[in-house]
Amino acid sequence: MNYVSAHDHDDEFDPENPMGKPEVPDHVQNAIRTLIEWAGDDPNREGLRDTPKRVGRAWLEYCEGYKEDPAIHLSRIFEEVGGYDEIVLLKDIPFQSHCEHHMAPIIGKAAIAYLPNKKVVGISKLARVLHGYAQRLQIQERLTAEVAQCIWDNLDPHGVAVVIEAQHGCMTGRGVKTPGVGMITSRILGCFLDNDSSRKEVMSLMGY
């Protein structure tokens, strides 16, 4: 058995970055410094000195959804469902995104439902699809449509319904500055769109 001494990696250790956090390129840091200065503060003062790195790393995390196709979370399908053929619903799923117009936070919750057609997935995968699309620069209408379409395309269900309710920082923290106002969007496909009783049932289960 070969043992590797910690000293073998001394040349890889960066004393300025002991936690091995992602490096933030100079041009990104400079852009953030420019924004700080334009907003009226001094990017060189002590409290802001490391802010460009922190902001750069934060945005890498906020936008992790660009790194993969959210549909990958629906690739493991279960077909042995014991004859279950009723609505599958996951509700009150919290999420955070950022609007593409002002890069302000969008904070809300989603309800995702589908009527299986022989295929189901683990319920956590529905939340992962939501987060995959939410962790991109978004508008709520597109986010709602993308989640619904992804489930529709990959599970081939009889119907899909997605409802998202969120507050937008671009409205609550700037502009009209109206806190407490929520926006609701929905996308309904398949039998939930074509059949009134199915639509009423799923919306009632969602609480709408």
N, C-alpha and C. Protein backbone atom coordinates (compact mmCIF):
# COMPACT_ATOMS: atom_id res chain seq x y z
N MET A 1 0.85 -1.19 0.00
CA MET A 1 0.00 0.00 0.00
C MET A 1 0.88 1.24 0.00
N ASN A 2 0.55 2.19 -0.87
CA ASN A 2 1.32 3.42 -0.96
C ASN A 2 0.68 4.51 -0.12
N TYR A 3 1.49 5.16 0.68
CA TYR A 3 1.01 6.26 1.51
C TYR A 3 1.54 7.57 0.94
N VAL A 4 0.69 8.57 0.93
CA VAL A 4 1.08 9.87 0.40
C VAL A 4 1.25 10.83 1.56
N SER A 5 2.42 11.39 1.68
CA SER A 5 2.68 12.35 2.74
C SER A 5 2.02 13.67 2.43
N ALA A 6 1.58 14.35 3.47
CA ALA A 6 0.99 15.68 3.28
C ALA A 6 1.98 16.63 2.63
N HIS A 7 3.27 16.36 2.86
CA HIS A 7 4.30 17.24 2.29
C HIS A 7 4.37 17.12 0.78
N ASP A 8 3.84 15.97 0.24
CA ASP A 8 3.88 15.79 -1.21
C ASP A 8 3.00 16.81 -1.92
N HIS A 9 2.06 17.44 -1.18
CA HIS A 9 1.15 18.38 -1.80
C HIS A 9 1.41 19.81 -1.36
N ASP A 10 2.56 20.04 -0.75
CA ASP A 10 2.87 21.38 -0.27
C ASP A 10 2.84 22.40 -1.39
N ASP A 11 3.23 21.96 -2.61
CA ASP A 11 3.30 22.90 -3.71
C ASP A 11 1.91 23.28 -4.21
N GLU A 12 0.86 22.51 -3.80
CA GLU A 12 -0.49 22.81 -4.23
C GLU A 12 -1.22 23.68 -3.21
N PHE A 13 -0.67 23.84 -2.04
CA PHE A 13 -1.35 24.57 -0.98
C PHE A 13 -1.19 26.07 -1.17
N ASP A 14 -2.29 26.77 -1.14
CA ASP A 14 -2.29 28.22 -1.30
C ASP A 14 -2.61 28.84 0.05
N PRO A 15 -1.63 29.46 0.71
CA PRO A 15 -1.88 30.04 2.03
C PRO A 15 -2.93 31.14 2.01
N GLU A 16 -3.17 31.76 0.85
CA GLU A 16 -4.18 32.80 0.76
C GLU A 16 -5.58 32.22 0.53
N ASN A 17 -5.63 30.92 0.27
CA ASN A 17 -6.91 30.26 0.04
C ASN A 17 -6.87 28.87 0.68
N PRO A 18 -6.75 28.80 2.01
CA PRO A 18 -6.55 27.52 2.68
C PRO A 18 -7.74 26.57 2.55
N MET A 19 -8.93 27.09 2.28
CA MET A 19 -10.11 26.23 2.16
C MET A 19 -10.31 25.70 0.74
N GLY A 20 -9.43 26.08 -0.17
CA GLY A 20 -9.54 25.60 -1.55
C GLY A 20 -10.79 26.09 -2.27
N LYS A 21 -11.24 27.30 -1.95
CA LYS A 21 -12.43 27.85 -2.59
C LYS A 21 -12.14 28.20 -4.05
N PRO A 22 -13.17 28.25 -4.90
CA PRO A 22 -12.94 28.57 -6.32
C PRO A 22 -12.24 29.91 -6.48
N GLU A 23 -11.30 29.95 -7.39
CA GLU A 23 -10.61 31.20 -7.68
C GLU A 23 -11.54 32.13 -8.46
N VAL A 24 -11.46 33.41 -8.18
CA VAL A 24 -12.26 34.40 -8.89
C VAL A 24 -11.31 35.21 -9.76
N PRO A 25 -11.46 35.16 -11.07
CA PRO A 25 -10.54 35.86 -11.98
C PRO A 25 -10.51 37.36 -11.71
N ASP A 26 -9.38 37.97 -12.04
CA ASP A 26 -9.19 39.40 -11.80
C ASP A 26 -10.26 40.25 -12.48
N HIS A 27 -10.63 39.88 -13.70
CA HIS A 27 -11.60 40.72 -14.42
C HIS A 27 -12.98 40.69 -13.75
N VAL A 28 -13.30 39.58 -13.09
CA VAL A 28 -14.56 39.51 -12.35
C VAL A 28 -14.47 40.38 -11.10
N GLN A 29 -13.36 40.25 -10.38
CA GLN A 29 -13.18 41.07 -9.18
C GLN A 29 -13.17 42.56 -9.52
N ASN A 30 -12.52 42.91 -10.62
CA ASN A 30 -12.47 44.32 -11.02
C ASN A 30 -13.86 44.85 -11.36
N ALA A 31 -14.68 44.02 -11.97
CA ALA A 31 -16.04 44.45 -12.30
C ALA A 31 -16.84 44.73 -11.04
N ILE A 32 -16.65 43.90 -10.02
CA ILE A 32 -17.37 44.09 -8.75
C ILE A 32 -16.84 45.32 -8.03
N ARG A 33 -15.53 45.54 -8.08
CA ARG A 33 -14.96 46.75 -7.48
C ARG A 33 -15.53 48.01 -8.16
N THR A 34 -15.64 47.96 -9.47
CA THR A 34 -16.19 49.08 -10.22
C THR A 34 -17.62 49.38 -9.78
N LEU A 35 -18.40 48.34 -9.59
CA LEU A 35 -19.80 48.50 -9.16
C LEU A 35 -19.87 49.10 -7.76
N ILE A 36 -19.01 48.62 -6.86
CA ILE A 36 -18.98 49.16 -5.49
C ILE A 36 -18.64 50.65 -5.52
N GLU A 37 -17.64 50.99 -6.32
CA GLU A 37 -17.22 52.39 -6.41
C GLU A 37 -18.31 53.25 -7.03
N TRP A 38 -18.98 52.73 -8.07
CA TRP A 38 -20.04 53.47 -8.74
C TRP A 38 -21.23 53.69 -7.82
N ALA A 39 -21.45 52.71 -6.89
CA ALA A 39 -22.56 52.84 -5.93
C ALA A 39 -22.26 53.86 -4.85
N GLY A 40 -20.97 54.26 -4.72
CA GLY A 40 -20.63 55.32 -3.79
C GLY A 40 -19.74 54.94 -2.64
N ASP A 41 -19.17 53.73 -2.66
CA ASP A 41 -18.31 53.31 -1.55
C ASP A 41 -16.89 53.10 -2.05
N ASP A 42 -16.00 52.82 -1.11
CA ASP A 42 -14.58 52.64 -1.42
C ASP A 42 -14.25 51.15 -1.40
N PRO A 43 -14.00 50.54 -2.55
CA PRO A 43 -13.73 49.10 -2.59
C PRO A 43 -12.43 48.72 -1.88
N ASN A 44 -11.60 49.70 -1.52
CA ASN A 44 -10.34 49.40 -0.85
C ASN A 44 -10.42 49.47 0.67
N ARG A 45 -11.56 49.89 1.20
CA ARG A 45 -11.65 49.93 2.66
C ARG A 45 -11.72 48.50 3.20
N GLU A 46 -11.39 48.34 4.48
CA GLU A 46 -11.20 47.01 5.07
C GLU A 46 -12.41 46.09 4.88
N GLY A 47 -13.60 46.61 5.15
CA GLY A 47 -14.79 45.76 5.09
C GLY A 47 -15.15 45.29 3.69
N LEU A 48 -14.64 45.99 2.68
CA LEU A 48 -14.97 45.65 1.29
C LEU A 48 -13.81 45.03 0.52
N ARG A 49 -12.68 44.91 1.17
CA ARG A 49 -11.48 44.48 0.46
C ARG A 49 -11.63 43.10 -0.16
N ASP A 50 -12.28 42.18 0.55
CA ASP A 50 -12.45 40.82 0.03
C ASP A 50 -13.82 40.58 -0.58
N THR A 51 -14.64 41.62 -0.63
CA THR A 51 -15.99 41.47 -1.17
C THR A 51 -16.02 41.01 -2.62
N PRO A 52 -15.15 41.51 -3.50
CA PRO A 52 -15.19 41.02 -4.88
C PRO A 52 -15.02 39.51 -5.00
N LYS A 53 -14.15 38.91 -4.18
CA LYS A 53 -14.01 37.45 -4.21
C LYS A 53 -15.26 36.77 -3.69
N ARG A 54 -15.79 37.30 -2.58
CA ARG A 54 -16.98 36.69 -1.99
C ARG A 54 -18.16 36.75 -2.95
N VAL A 55 -18.35 37.90 -3.59
CA VAL A 55 -19.47 38.05 -4.52
C VAL A 55 -19.29 37.13 -5.73
N GLY A 56 -18.08 37.05 -6.24
CA GLY A 56 -17.83 36.16 -7.37
C GLY A 56 -18.15 34.72 -7.05
N ARG A 57 -17.71 34.26 -5.87
CA ARG A 57 -18.00 32.87 -5.47
C ARG A 57 -19.48 32.67 -5.21
N ALA A 58 -20.12 33.69 -4.64
CA ALA A 58 -21.56 33.58 -4.38
C ALA A 58 -22.33 33.39 -5.68
N TRP A 59 -21.93 34.14 -6.73
CA TRP A 59 -22.66 34.02 -7.99
C TRP A 59 -22.40 32.69 -8.69
N LEU A 60 -21.23 32.11 -8.46
CA LEU A 60 -21.02 30.75 -8.97
C LEU A 60 -22.02 29.79 -8.35
N GLU A 61 -22.29 29.98 -7.05
CA GLU A 61 -23.24 29.12 -6.34
C GLU A 61 -24.68 29.43 -6.76
N TYR A 62 -25.01 30.72 -6.86
CA TYR A 62 -26.37 31.09 -7.26
C TYR A 62 -26.73 30.50 -8.63
N CYS A 63 -25.74 30.39 -9.50
CA CYS A 63 -25.99 29.99 -10.88
C CYS A 63 -25.49 28.58 -11.21
N GLU A 64 -25.51 27.71 -10.23
CA GLU A 64 -25.06 26.34 -10.45
C GLU A 64 -25.90 25.60 -11.47
N GLY A 65 -27.12 26.09 -11.71
CA GLY A 65 -28.01 25.42 -12.65
C GLY A 65 -27.50 25.40 -14.08
N TYR A 66 -26.54 26.27 -14.41
CA TYR A 66 -25.98 26.26 -15.75
C TYR A 66 -25.04 25.08 -15.99
N LYS A 67 -24.65 24.41 -14.91
CA LYS A 67 -23.63 23.36 -15.03
C LYS A 67 -24.19 22.03 -15.53
N GLU A 68 -25.51 21.85 -15.48
CA GLU A 68 -26.07 20.57 -15.90
C GLU A 68 -27.48 20.75 -16.45
N ASP A 69 -27.95 19.75 -17.16
CA ASP A 69 -29.31 19.71 -17.66
C ASP A 69 -30.20 19.17 -16.54
N PRO A 70 -31.18 19.94 -16.05
CA PRO A 70 -32.03 19.44 -14.96
C PRO A 70 -32.73 18.13 -15.27
N ALA A 71 -32.89 17.82 -16.55
CA ALA A 71 -33.57 16.58 -16.94
C ALA A 71 -32.82 15.34 -16.45
N ILE A 72 -31.54 15.49 -16.13
CA ILE A 72 -30.77 14.34 -15.67
C ILE A 72 -31.37 13.74 -14.40
N HIS A 73 -32.07 14.56 -13.63
CA HIS A 73 -32.66 14.08 -12.38
C HIS A 73 -33.89 13.20 -12.62
N LEU A 74 -34.38 13.18 -13.85
CA LEU A 74 -35.54 12.35 -14.19
C LEU A 74 -35.14 11.11 -14.97
N SER A 75 -33.86 10.81 -15.01
CA SER A 75 -33.38 9.69 -15.82
C SER A 75 -33.62 8.33 -15.17
N ARG A 76 -33.74 8.30 -13.85
CA ARG A 76 -34.00 7.02 -13.17
C ARG A 76 -35.50 6.88 -12.94
N ILE A 77 -36.11 6.02 -13.74
CA ILE A 77 -37.56 5.86 -13.74
C ILE A 77 -37.94 4.56 -13.03
N PHE A 78 -39.05 4.62 -12.30
CA PHE A 78 -39.60 3.41 -11.68
C PHE A 78 -40.93 3.09 -12.37
N GLU A 79 -41.05 1.86 -12.84
CA GLU A 79 -42.27 1.44 -13.52
C GLU A 79 -43.12 0.50 -12.67
N GLU A 80 -42.55 -0.06 -11.62
CA GLU A 80 -43.31 -0.92 -10.72
C GLU A 80 -43.93 -0.06 -9.63
N VAL A 81 -45.17 0.35 -9.86
CA VAL A 81 -45.84 1.28 -8.94
C VAL A 81 -47.08 0.67 -8.29
N GLY A 82 -47.20 -0.65 -8.39
CA GLY A 82 -48.32 -1.34 -7.74
C GLY A 82 -49.68 -0.92 -8.25
N GLY A 83 -49.73 -0.53 -9.51
CA GLY A 83 -51.00 -0.13 -10.11
C GLY A 83 -51.43 1.27 -9.77
N TYR A 84 -50.58 2.05 -9.11
CA TYR A 84 -50.94 3.42 -8.75
C TYR A 84 -51.09 4.28 -10.00
N ASP A 85 -52.22 4.94 -10.12
CA ASP A 85 -52.46 5.77 -11.31
C ASP A 85 -53.16 7.07 -10.96
N GLU A 86 -52.89 7.59 -9.76
CA GLU A 86 -53.47 8.85 -9.34
C GLU A 86 -52.38 9.95 -9.33
N ILE A 87 -52.79 11.14 -8.96
CA ILE A 87 -51.89 12.30 -8.99
C ILE A 87 -50.73 12.14 -8.01
N VAL A 88 -49.54 12.50 -8.47
CA VAL A 88 -48.36 12.62 -7.61
C VAL A 88 -48.09 14.12 -7.46
N LEU A 89 -48.03 14.57 -6.21
CA LEU A 89 -47.91 16.01 -5.96
C LEU A 89 -46.86 16.28 -4.89
N LEU A 90 -45.98 17.21 -5.18
CA LEU A 90 -45.03 17.73 -4.21
C LEU A 90 -45.30 19.23 -4.09
N LYS A 91 -45.63 19.69 -2.90
CA LYS A 91 -46.03 21.08 -2.75
C LYS A 91 -45.17 21.78 -1.71
N ASP A 92 -45.26 23.13 -1.73
CA ASP A 92 -44.51 23.97 -0.80
C ASP A 92 -43.01 23.73 -0.89
N ILE A 93 -42.50 23.58 -2.12
CA ILE A 93 -41.06 23.39 -2.33
C ILE A 93 -40.40 24.76 -2.33
N PRO A 94 -39.56 25.06 -1.36
CA PRO A 94 -38.92 26.38 -1.34
C PRO A 94 -37.82 26.48 -2.39
N PHE A 95 -37.65 27.66 -2.93
CA PHE A 95 -36.56 27.86 -3.89
C PHE A 95 -36.13 29.31 -3.86
N GLN A 96 -34.94 29.55 -4.40
CA GLN A 96 -34.44 30.91 -4.59
C GLN A 96 -33.83 31.01 -5.97
N SER A 97 -34.13 32.10 -6.65
CA SER A 97 -33.56 32.36 -7.96
C SER A 97 -33.18 33.83 -8.02
N HIS A 98 -32.78 34.30 -9.21
CA HIS A 98 -32.45 35.71 -9.40
C HIS A 98 -33.02 36.16 -10.74
N CYS A 99 -33.65 37.32 -10.73
CA CYS A 99 -34.29 37.80 -11.95
C CYS A 99 -33.21 38.29 -12.94
N GLU A 100 -33.47 38.04 -14.20
CA GLU A 100 -32.48 38.37 -15.22
C GLU A 100 -32.48 39.86 -15.56
N HIS A 101 -33.47 40.60 -15.09
CA HIS A 101 -33.53 42.02 -15.41
C HIS A 101 -32.71 42.88 -14.45
N HIS A 102 -32.77 42.55 -13.15
CA HIS A 102 -32.04 43.34 -12.15
C HIS A 102 -31.09 42.48 -11.31
N MET A 103 -31.07 41.17 -11.57
CA MET A 103 -30.27 40.21 -10.80
C MET A 103 -30.62 40.27 -9.31
N ALA A 104 -31.88 40.61 -9.04
CA ALA A 104 -32.38 40.66 -7.67
C ALA A 104 -32.98 39.31 -7.30
N PRO A 105 -33.04 39.00 -6.00
CA PRO A 105 -33.54 37.68 -5.59
C PRO A 105 -35.02 37.46 -5.93
N ILE A 106 -35.32 36.24 -6.30
CA ILE A 106 -36.70 35.75 -6.40
C ILE A 106 -36.80 34.64 -5.36
N ILE A 107 -37.67 34.79 -4.38
CA ILE A 107 -37.79 33.82 -3.30
C ILE A 107 -39.24 33.34 -3.24
N GLY A 108 -39.43 32.03 -3.27
CA GLY A 108 -40.79 31.54 -3.28
C GLY A 108 -40.91 30.06 -3.02
N LYS A 109 -42.05 29.53 -3.45
CA LYS A 109 -42.33 28.11 -3.29
C LYS A 109 -43.06 27.62 -4.53
N ALA A 110 -42.98 26.32 -4.74
CA ALA A 110 -43.60 25.74 -5.93
C ALA A 110 -44.39 24.49 -5.55
N ALA A 111 -45.40 24.21 -6.35
CA ALA A 111 -46.14 22.96 -6.27
C ALA A 111 -46.01 22.29 -7.64
N ILE A 112 -45.61 21.03 -7.64
CA ILE A 112 -45.39 20.29 -8.89
C ILE A 112 -46.20 19.00 -8.83
N ALA A 113 -47.03 18.77 -9.84
CA ALA A 113 -47.87 17.57 -9.87
C ALA A 113 -47.83 16.94 -11.25
N TYR A 114 -47.96 15.62 -11.28
CA TYR A 114 -48.12 14.93 -12.56
C TYR A 114 -48.99 13.70 -12.36
N LEU A 115 -49.65 13.29 -13.42
CA LEU A 115 -50.46 12.08 -13.41
C LEU A 115 -49.69 11.02 -14.18
N PRO A 116 -49.13 10.02 -13.49
CA PRO A 116 -48.21 9.07 -14.13
C PRO A 116 -48.86 8.27 -15.26
N ASN A 117 -48.04 7.93 -16.21
CA ASN A 117 -48.42 7.01 -17.27
C ASN A 117 -47.38 5.89 -17.27
N LYS A 118 -47.42 5.09 -16.20
CA LYS A 118 -46.52 3.93 -16.00
C LYS A 118 -45.13 4.31 -15.51
N LYS A 119 -44.81 5.61 -15.45
CA LYS A 119 -43.47 6.03 -15.02
C LYS A 119 -43.56 7.00 -13.85
N VAL A 120 -42.77 6.75 -12.80
CA VAL A 120 -42.66 7.69 -11.70
C VAL A 120 -41.19 7.86 -11.35
N VAL A 121 -40.90 8.93 -10.61
CA VAL A 121 -39.54 9.17 -10.13
C VAL A 121 -39.60 9.44 -8.64
N GLY A 122 -38.44 9.34 -7.99
CA GLY A 122 -38.37 9.70 -6.59
C GLY A 122 -38.81 11.14 -6.41
N ILE A 123 -39.59 11.41 -5.35
CA ILE A 123 -40.18 12.74 -5.21
C ILE A 123 -39.14 13.84 -5.08
N SER A 124 -37.96 13.51 -4.52
CA SER A 124 -36.93 14.55 -4.38
C SER A 124 -36.46 15.04 -5.74
N LYS A 125 -36.65 14.22 -6.78
CA LYS A 125 -36.17 14.61 -8.12
C LYS A 125 -36.98 15.77 -8.67
N LEU A 126 -38.24 15.87 -8.27
CA LEU A 126 -39.05 17.01 -8.73
C LEU A 126 -38.47 18.31 -8.19
N ALA A 127 -38.07 18.29 -6.92
CA ALA A 127 -37.45 19.47 -6.32
C ALA A 127 -36.12 19.78 -7.00
N ARG A 128 -35.38 18.75 -7.35
CA ARG A 128 -34.08 18.97 -8.00
C ARG A 128 -34.25 19.59 -9.39
N VAL A 129 -35.29 19.20 -10.10
CA VAL A 129 -35.57 19.83 -11.39
C VAL A 129 -35.87 21.31 -11.20
N LEU A 130 -36.71 21.62 -10.22
CA LEU A 130 -37.03 23.02 -9.92
C LEU A 130 -35.76 23.81 -9.62
N HIS A 131 -34.93 23.28 -8.72
CA HIS A 131 -33.72 24.00 -8.32
C HIS A 131 -32.74 24.13 -9.49
N GLY A 132 -32.70 23.12 -10.35
CA GLY A 132 -31.80 23.18 -11.50
C GLY A 132 -32.11 24.36 -12.40
N TYR A 133 -33.40 24.61 -12.62
CA TYR A 133 -33.78 25.75 -13.45
C TYR A 133 -33.76 27.06 -12.66
N ALA A 134 -34.07 26.99 -11.37
CA ALA A 134 -34.08 28.21 -10.55
C ALA A 134 -32.69 28.79 -10.37
N GLN A 135 -31.66 27.92 -10.38
CA GLN A 135 -30.30 28.40 -10.17
C GLN A 135 -29.69 28.90 -11.48
N ARG A 136 -30.45 29.74 -12.14
CA ARG A 136 -30.04 30.44 -13.34
C ARG A 136 -30.68 31.82 -13.28
N LEU A 137 -30.25 32.74 -14.11
CA LEU A 137 -30.95 34.01 -14.22
C LEU A 137 -32.30 33.74 -14.87
N GLN A 138 -33.38 34.21 -14.25
CA GLN A 138 -34.70 33.75 -14.64
C GLN A 138 -35.72 34.87 -14.67
N ILE A 139 -36.85 34.57 -15.29
CA ILE A 139 -38.11 35.24 -15.03
C ILE A 139 -39.05 34.14 -14.57
N GLN A 140 -40.00 34.47 -13.72
CA GLN A 140 -40.83 33.44 -13.10
C GLN A 140 -41.67 32.68 -14.13
N GLU A 141 -42.14 33.39 -15.14
CA GLU A 141 -42.96 32.74 -16.16
C GLU A 141 -42.18 31.63 -16.87
N ARG A 142 -40.93 31.92 -17.25
CA ARG A 142 -40.13 30.91 -17.94
C ARG A 142 -39.77 29.76 -17.01
N LEU A 143 -39.43 30.09 -15.76
CA LEU A 143 -39.11 29.04 -14.79
C LEU A 143 -40.27 28.05 -14.66
N THR A 144 -41.48 28.56 -14.56
CA THR A 144 -42.66 27.71 -14.44
C THR A 144 -42.81 26.81 -15.66
N ALA A 145 -42.65 27.41 -16.83
CA ALA A 145 -42.81 26.65 -18.08
C ALA A 145 -41.72 25.61 -18.25
N GLU A 146 -40.49 25.94 -17.89
CA GLU A 146 -39.37 25.01 -18.06
C GLU A 146 -39.52 23.78 -17.18
N VAL A 147 -39.93 23.98 -15.94
CA VAL A 147 -40.12 22.85 -15.03
C VAL A 147 -41.20 21.92 -15.56
N ALA A 148 -42.33 22.50 -15.95
CA ALA A 148 -43.44 21.68 -16.46
C ALA A 148 -43.05 20.93 -17.73
N GLN A 149 -42.36 21.60 -18.64
CA GLN A 149 -41.99 20.97 -19.91
C GLN A 149 -40.99 19.85 -19.69
N CYS A 150 -40.07 20.04 -18.77
CA CYS A 150 -39.07 19.02 -18.48
C CYS A 150 -39.73 17.74 -17.98
N ILE A 151 -40.69 17.87 -17.08
CA ILE A 151 -41.40 16.70 -16.56
C ILE A 151 -42.23 16.06 -17.67
N TRP A 152 -42.88 16.88 -18.46
CA TRP A 152 -43.70 16.38 -19.57
C TRP A 152 -42.86 15.60 -20.58
N ASP A 153 -41.71 16.12 -20.93
CA ASP A 153 -40.87 15.49 -21.95
C ASP A 153 -40.21 14.21 -21.46
N ASN A 154 -39.89 14.14 -20.18
CA ASN A 154 -39.08 13.02 -19.68
C ASN A 154 -39.87 11.91 -18.99
N LEU A 155 -41.05 12.21 -18.48
CA LEU A 155 -41.84 11.18 -17.81
C LEU A 155 -43.02 10.70 -18.65
N ASP A 156 -43.31 11.42 -19.74
CA ASP A 156 -44.44 11.05 -20.61
C ASP A 156 -45.72 10.81 -19.80
N PRO A 157 -46.08 11.75 -18.91
CA PRO A 157 -47.25 11.54 -18.06
C PRO A 157 -48.55 11.89 -18.80
N HIS A 158 -49.69 11.58 -18.15
CA HIS A 158 -50.97 12.00 -18.71
C HIS A 158 -51.16 13.51 -18.55
N GLY A 159 -50.60 14.06 -17.49
CA GLY A 159 -50.75 15.49 -17.26
C GLY A 159 -49.68 16.03 -16.32
N VAL A 160 -49.41 17.32 -16.43
CA VAL A 160 -48.45 18.00 -15.56
C VAL A 160 -49.05 19.34 -15.14
N ALA A 161 -48.83 19.69 -13.88
CA ALA A 161 -49.25 21.02 -13.41
C ALA A 161 -48.16 21.57 -12.50
N VAL A 162 -47.78 22.81 -12.75
CA VAL A 162 -46.77 23.48 -11.94
C VAL A 162 -47.30 24.87 -11.58
N VAL A 163 -47.28 25.17 -10.30
CA VAL A 163 -47.68 26.50 -9.83
C VAL A 163 -46.54 27.05 -8.97
N ILE A 164 -46.12 28.26 -9.27
CA ILE A 164 -45.05 28.91 -8.51
C ILE A 164 -45.57 30.22 -7.95
N GLU A 165 -45.29 30.44 -6.68
CA GLU A 165 -45.66 31.67 -5.99
C GLU A 165 -44.39 32.26 -5.39
N ALA A 166 -44.08 33.52 -5.73
CA ALA A 166 -42.80 34.09 -5.30
C ALA A 166 -42.88 35.59 -5.12
N GLN A 167 -41.93 36.10 -4.34
CA GLN A 167 -41.73 37.53 -4.21
C GLN A 167 -40.44 37.91 -4.92
N HIS A 168 -40.46 39.09 -5.52
CA HIS A 168 -39.35 39.52 -6.36
C HIS A 168 -38.66 40.74 -5.75
N GLY A 169 -37.35 40.59 -5.51
CA GLY A 169 -36.59 41.69 -4.94
C GLY A 169 -36.57 42.93 -5.80
N CYS A 170 -36.74 42.76 -7.11
CA CYS A 170 -36.74 43.92 -8.01
C CYS A 170 -37.98 44.77 -7.81
N MET A 171 -38.99 44.22 -7.12
CA MET A 171 -40.20 44.97 -6.83
C MET A 171 -40.30 45.32 -5.35
N THR A 172 -39.84 44.42 -4.48
CA THR A 172 -39.97 44.66 -3.04
C THR A 172 -38.86 45.56 -2.50
N GLY A 173 -37.66 45.52 -3.11
CA GLY A 173 -36.53 46.26 -2.57
C GLY A 173 -36.11 47.46 -3.39
N ARG A 174 -36.71 47.65 -4.55
CA ARG A 174 -36.36 48.79 -5.42
C ARG A 174 -37.61 49.18 -6.20
N GLY A 175 -37.49 50.17 -7.05
CA GLY A 175 -38.62 50.57 -7.88
C GLY A 175 -39.80 51.00 -7.04
N VAL A 176 -40.91 50.28 -7.16
CA VAL A 176 -42.12 50.65 -6.41
C VAL A 176 -42.01 50.30 -4.94
N LYS A 177 -41.02 49.47 -4.56
CA LYS A 177 -40.76 49.11 -3.16
C LYS A 177 -42.05 48.71 -2.45
N THR A 178 -42.59 47.58 -2.91
CA THR A 178 -43.85 47.08 -2.36
C THR A 178 -43.65 45.70 -1.76
N PRO A 179 -43.21 45.62 -0.51
CA PRO A 179 -42.98 44.32 0.12
C PRO A 179 -44.28 43.58 0.38
N GLY A 180 -44.17 42.26 0.44
CA GLY A 180 -45.33 41.44 0.75
C GLY A 180 -46.19 41.06 -0.44
N VAL A 181 -45.85 41.56 -1.62
CA VAL A 181 -46.63 41.25 -2.82
C VAL A 181 -46.07 39.99 -3.49
N GLY A 182 -46.93 39.02 -3.71
CA GLY A 182 -46.51 37.77 -4.34
C GLY A 182 -47.03 37.66 -5.76
N MET A 183 -46.29 36.95 -6.59
CA MET A 183 -46.68 36.70 -7.97
C MET A 183 -46.92 35.20 -8.12
N ILE A 184 -48.02 34.83 -8.78
CA ILE A 184 -48.36 33.42 -9.00
C ILE A 184 -48.37 33.16 -10.50
N THR A 185 -47.67 32.09 -10.90
CA THR A 185 -47.69 31.64 -12.30
C THR A 185 -47.99 30.16 -12.32
N SER A 186 -48.57 29.70 -13.42
CA SER A 186 -48.89 28.28 -13.55
C SER A 186 -48.67 27.82 -14.98
N ARG A 187 -48.37 26.55 -15.11
CA ARG A 187 -48.32 25.90 -16.43
C ARG A 187 -48.98 24.54 -16.28
N ILE A 188 -49.97 24.30 -17.11
CA ILE A 188 -50.76 23.07 -17.04
C ILE A 188 -50.72 22.40 -18.40
N LEU A 189 -50.44 21.10 -18.41
CA LEU A 189 -50.30 20.35 -19.66
C LEU A 189 -51.10 19.06 -19.59
N GLY A 190 -51.46 18.54 -20.76
CA GLY A 190 -52.11 17.23 -20.84
C GLY A 190 -53.51 17.23 -20.28
N CYS A 191 -53.85 16.16 -19.56
CA CYS A 191 -55.21 15.99 -19.07
C CYS A 191 -55.63 17.08 -18.10
N PHE A 192 -54.67 17.68 -17.40
CA PHE A 192 -55.02 18.77 -16.48
C PHE A 192 -55.48 20.01 -17.25
N LEU A 193 -55.05 20.11 -18.48
CA LEU A 193 -55.46 21.24 -19.32
C LEU A 193 -56.76 20.92 -20.05
N ASP A 194 -56.90 19.67 -20.49
CA ASP A 194 -58.02 19.29 -21.35
C ASP A 194 -59.27 18.90 -20.58
N ASN A 195 -59.13 18.48 -19.32
CA ASN A 195 -60.26 17.97 -18.57
C ASN A 195 -60.54 18.86 -17.36
N ASP A 196 -61.73 19.44 -17.31
CA ASP A 196 -62.07 20.39 -16.24
C ASP A 196 -61.99 19.75 -14.86
N SER A 197 -62.51 18.54 -14.71
CA SER A 197 -62.52 17.91 -13.39
C SER A 197 -61.11 17.57 -12.93
N SER A 198 -60.25 17.14 -13.85
CA SER A 198 -58.85 16.85 -13.49
C SER A 198 -58.12 18.12 -13.08
N ARG A 199 -58.39 19.20 -13.82
CA ARG A 199 -57.75 20.47 -13.49
C ARG A 199 -58.20 20.97 -12.12
N LYS A 200 -59.49 20.89 -11.84
CA LYS A 200 -60.00 21.32 -10.55
C LYS A 200 -59.43 20.48 -9.42
N GLU A 201 -59.28 19.16 -9.66
CA GLU A 201 -58.76 18.28 -8.63
C GLU A 201 -57.31 18.63 -8.28
N VAL A 202 -56.48 18.80 -9.31
CA VAL A 202 -55.07 19.06 -9.03
C VAL A 202 -54.87 20.43 -8.42
N MET A 203 -55.62 21.42 -8.87
CA MET A 203 -55.48 22.76 -8.30
C MET A 203 -55.98 22.80 -6.86
N SER A 204 -57.02 22.00 -6.57
CA SER A 204 -57.51 21.94 -5.19
C SER A 204 -56.48 21.28 -4.29
N LEU A 205 -55.84 20.21 -4.77
CA LEU A 205 -54.81 19.55 -3.98
C LEU A 205 -53.62 20.48 -3.73
N MET A 206 -53.34 21.34 -4.69
CA MET A 206 -52.25 22.29 -4.55
C MET A 206 -52.62 23.44 -3.60
N GLY A 207 -53.91 23.62 -3.39
CA GLY A 207 -54.35 24.70 -2.51
C GLY A 207 -54.71 25.97 -3.25
N TYR A 208 -55.03 25.85 -4.55
CA TYR A 208 -55.36 27.03 -5.35
C TYR A 208 -56.78 26.87 -5.94
